[in-house]
């Protein structure tokens, strides 16, 4: 961490590295644009998850067919992103406020991990069994961030952007 901070401080030509300096891209290149809009994000995510395992892609496809995504940004929409399990159906709902950024890609695969977990626990008899401690819930979602990286080529046309995205993600994990 110290080594990475020192490299960042040097690249930004700073005397002191502040917390807000850790989110700045030091490459000087334009921001990564892994998708063009919410529909594109969903389609690429389905492909990414399918490439990992067809079952995973099928879960996102089910969500798409049932309008269980609200990902596009719009005026008055709350910020953030989350997966919300729907109690009556057992299906997940992914809400996020996408601005077509790299961070939105990682939010989608993270929340997609929660969504798959929701599908897998939907048939448990007791509702309390469906709601696990955050340590368990985050294991599914954070693992999906890392597992999905081998299939991020669906989001990026250039090998250079793909490598940059993977490097940035590993540095922020």
Protein backbone atom coordinates (compact mmCIF):
# COMPACT_ATOMS: atom_id res chain seq x y z
CA UNK A 1 0.00 0.00 0.00
CA UNK A 2 2.82 2.38 0.88
CA UNK A 3 4.60 1.57 -2.35
CA UNK A 4 1.44 2.19 -4.40
CA UNK A 5 0.80 5.45 -2.54
CA UNK A 6 4.37 6.60 -3.19
CA UNK A 7 4.01 5.84 -6.92
CA UNK A 8 0.72 7.73 -7.03
CA UNK A 9 2.17 10.70 -5.16
CA UNK A 10 5.08 10.84 -7.60
CA UNK A 11 2.89 10.47 -10.69
CA UNK A 12 0.64 13.31 -9.50
CA UNK A 13 3.65 15.42 -8.49
CA UNK A 14 2.32 15.99 -4.98
CA UNK A 15 4.14 16.77 -1.75
CA UNK A 16 1.42 15.10 0.32
CA UNK A 17 -1.04 12.47 -0.88
CA UNK A 18 -4.57 13.14 0.39
CA UNK A 19 -7.44 10.60 0.48
CA UNK A 20 -9.18 12.26 -2.47
CA UNK A 21 -6.03 11.82 -4.55
CA UNK A 22 -6.45 8.04 -4.48
CA UNK A 23 -9.36 8.12 -6.95
CA UNK A 24 -7.55 10.16 -9.60
CA UNK A 25 -6.40 8.35 -12.76
CA UNK A 26 -2.66 8.91 -13.02
CA UNK A 27 -2.36 7.74 -16.64
CA UNK A 28 -3.61 11.01 -18.14
CA UNK A 29 -5.73 8.95 -20.53
CA UNK A 30 -9.46 9.45 -21.04
CA UNK A 31 -11.77 7.66 -18.63
CA UNK A 32 -12.58 4.06 -19.46
CA UNK A 33 -15.95 3.64 -21.19
CA UNK A 34 -16.87 -0.05 -20.96
CA UNK A 35 -20.45 0.42 -22.21
CA UNK A 36 -22.63 3.06 -23.83
CA UNK A 37 -25.90 2.92 -21.85
CA UNK A 38 -27.88 0.80 -19.41
CA UNK A 39 -29.07 -1.66 -22.05
CA UNK A 40 -25.50 -2.16 -23.25
CA UNK A 41 -24.32 -2.68 -19.65
CA UNK A 42 -26.98 -5.34 -19.04
CA UNK A 43 -26.29 -7.15 -22.35
CA UNK A 44 -22.53 -7.16 -21.80
CA UNK A 45 -22.98 -8.32 -18.20
CA UNK A 46 -25.17 -11.21 -19.34
CA UNK A 47 -22.46 -12.22 -21.81
CA UNK A 48 -19.73 -11.86 -19.17
CA UNK A 49 -21.64 -13.99 -16.66
CA UNK A 50 -22.54 -16.58 -19.35
CA UNK A 51 -18.85 -16.89 -20.24
CA UNK A 52 -18.11 -17.72 -16.59
CA UNK A 53 -20.95 -20.23 -16.39
CA UNK A 54 -24.16 -20.44 -18.45
CA UNK A 55 -26.25 -20.70 -15.27
CA UNK A 56 -24.99 -17.30 -14.14
CA UNK A 57 -25.85 -15.67 -17.45
CA UNK A 58 -29.30 -17.27 -17.38
CA UNK A 59 -30.00 -15.63 -14.01
CA UNK A 60 -29.24 -12.17 -15.42
CA UNK A 61 -31.28 -12.98 -18.53
CA UNK A 62 -34.25 -13.86 -16.30
CA UNK A 63 -33.83 -10.53 -14.55
CA UNK A 64 -33.74 -8.70 -17.89
CA UNK A 65 -36.88 -10.48 -19.14
CA UNK A 66 -38.72 -9.54 -15.95
CA UNK A 67 -37.57 -5.90 -15.85
CA UNK A 68 -35.55 -6.46 -12.68
CA UNK A 69 -32.89 -3.89 -13.56
CA UNK A 70 -33.06 -0.14 -13.06
CA UNK A 71 -29.59 1.01 -14.07
CA UNK A 72 -29.89 4.16 -16.18
CA UNK A 73 -29.31 7.52 -14.56
CA UNK A 74 -32.18 10.00 -14.64
CA UNK A 75 -33.14 13.26 -12.99
CA UNK A 76 -34.21 12.81 -9.38
CA UNK A 77 -32.98 9.23 -9.12
CA UNK A 78 -31.23 8.34 -5.87
CA UNK A 79 -27.48 7.70 -6.08
CA UNK A 80 -25.78 4.39 -5.45
CA UNK A 81 -26.35 0.80 -6.38
CA UNK A 82 -27.71 -2.27 -4.65
CA UNK A 83 -29.34 -5.66 -5.07
CA UNK A 84 -32.76 -5.95 -3.44
CA UNK A 85 -34.25 -9.44 -2.97
CA UNK A 86 -38.00 -9.38 -3.66
CA UNK A 87 -39.66 -11.39 -0.90
CA UNK A 88 -42.75 -12.57 -2.77
CA UNK A 89 -40.99 -13.96 -5.83
CA UNK A 90 -37.51 -14.62 -4.47
CA UNK A 91 -36.06 -12.77 -7.45
CA UNK A 92 -33.39 -10.08 -7.14
CA UNK A 93 -33.73 -6.49 -8.31
CA UNK A 94 -30.64 -4.46 -9.20
CA UNK A 95 -30.85 -0.70 -8.77
CA UNK A 96 -28.02 1.61 -9.70
CA UNK A 97 -27.44 5.07 -11.07
CA UNK A 98 -25.14 4.40 -14.00
CA UNK A 99 -23.10 7.15 -15.62
CA UNK A 100 -21.37 4.82 -18.14
CA UNK A 101 -18.16 4.61 -16.10
CA UNK A 102 -15.76 1.84 -15.21
CA UNK A 103 -17.02 2.03 -11.63
CA UNK A 104 -20.49 1.21 -12.93
CA UNK A 105 -19.13 -1.97 -14.53
CA UNK A 106 -17.68 -3.10 -11.20
CA UNK A 107 -20.92 -2.15 -9.44
CA UNK A 108 -22.90 -4.27 -11.89
CA UNK A 109 -20.73 -7.39 -11.48
CA UNK A 110 -20.70 -6.86 -7.71
CA UNK A 111 -24.48 -6.55 -7.52
CA UNK A 112 -24.75 -9.39 -10.03
CA UNK A 113 -22.92 -11.57 -7.50
CA UNK A 114 -25.54 -10.64 -4.90
CA UNK A 115 -28.28 -11.35 -7.45
CA UNK A 116 -27.00 -14.87 -8.15
CA UNK A 117 -26.80 -15.44 -4.39
CA UNK A 118 -30.43 -14.26 -4.11
CA UNK A 119 -31.51 -16.78 -6.76
CA UNK A 120 -29.61 -19.58 -4.99
CA UNK A 121 -31.25 -18.86 -1.63
CA UNK A 122 -34.77 -18.14 -2.96
CA UNK A 123 -36.11 -21.63 -2.20
CA UNK A 124 -34.89 -21.80 1.39
CA UNK A 125 -37.84 -22.40 3.70
CA UNK A 126 -37.04 -19.80 6.33
CA UNK A 127 -36.61 -16.15 5.39
CA UNK A 128 -33.94 -15.76 8.05
CA UNK A 129 -31.79 -18.24 6.13
CA UNK A 130 -31.97 -15.98 3.07
CA UNK A 131 -30.48 -13.01 4.90
CA UNK A 132 -26.93 -13.82 5.82
CA UNK A 133 -24.30 -11.71 7.61
CA UNK A 134 -22.51 -9.18 5.45
CA UNK A 135 -19.30 -11.25 5.59
CA UNK A 136 -21.10 -14.02 3.70
CA UNK A 137 -23.11 -11.74 1.40
CA UNK A 138 -20.03 -9.77 0.35
CA UNK A 139 -18.12 -12.97 -0.37
CA UNK A 140 -20.44 -13.69 -3.32
CA UNK A 141 -20.34 -10.17 -4.69
CA UNK A 142 -16.67 -9.36 -4.19
CA UNK A 143 -15.70 -12.76 -5.55
CA UNK A 144 -17.73 -12.01 -8.67
CA UNK A 145 -15.73 -8.81 -9.15
CA UNK A 146 -12.56 -10.89 -9.33
CA UNK A 147 -13.94 -13.98 -11.09
CA UNK A 148 -15.51 -11.87 -13.83
CA UNK A 149 -12.24 -10.10 -14.70
CA UNK A 150 -11.21 -12.93 -17.02
CA UNK A 151 -14.26 -12.07 -19.13
CA UNK A 152 -14.08 -8.28 -19.15
CA UNK A 153 -13.07 -8.39 -22.80
CA UNK A 154 -16.81 -8.16 -23.52
CA UNK A 155 -16.69 -4.61 -22.12
CA UNK A 156 -13.46 -3.42 -23.75
CA UNK A 157 -12.46 -3.33 -27.41
CA UNK A 158 -8.79 -2.64 -26.79
CA UNK A 159 -6.34 -4.86 -24.95
CA UNK A 160 -4.76 -1.73 -23.44
CA UNK A 161 -8.07 -0.62 -21.88
CA UNK A 162 -8.73 -4.15 -20.63
CA UNK A 163 -5.33 -4.30 -18.90
CA UNK A 164 -5.84 -0.82 -17.44
CA UNK A 165 -9.26 -1.82 -16.08
CA UNK A 166 -7.93 -5.00 -14.49
CA UNK A 167 -4.96 -3.19 -12.95
CA UNK A 168 -7.18 -0.43 -11.56
CA UNK A 169 -9.61 -2.96 -10.12
CA UNK A 170 -6.88 -5.00 -8.42
CA UNK A 171 -5.40 -1.85 -6.89
CA UNK A 172 -8.75 -0.87 -5.37
CA UNK A 173 -9.75 -4.31 -4.04
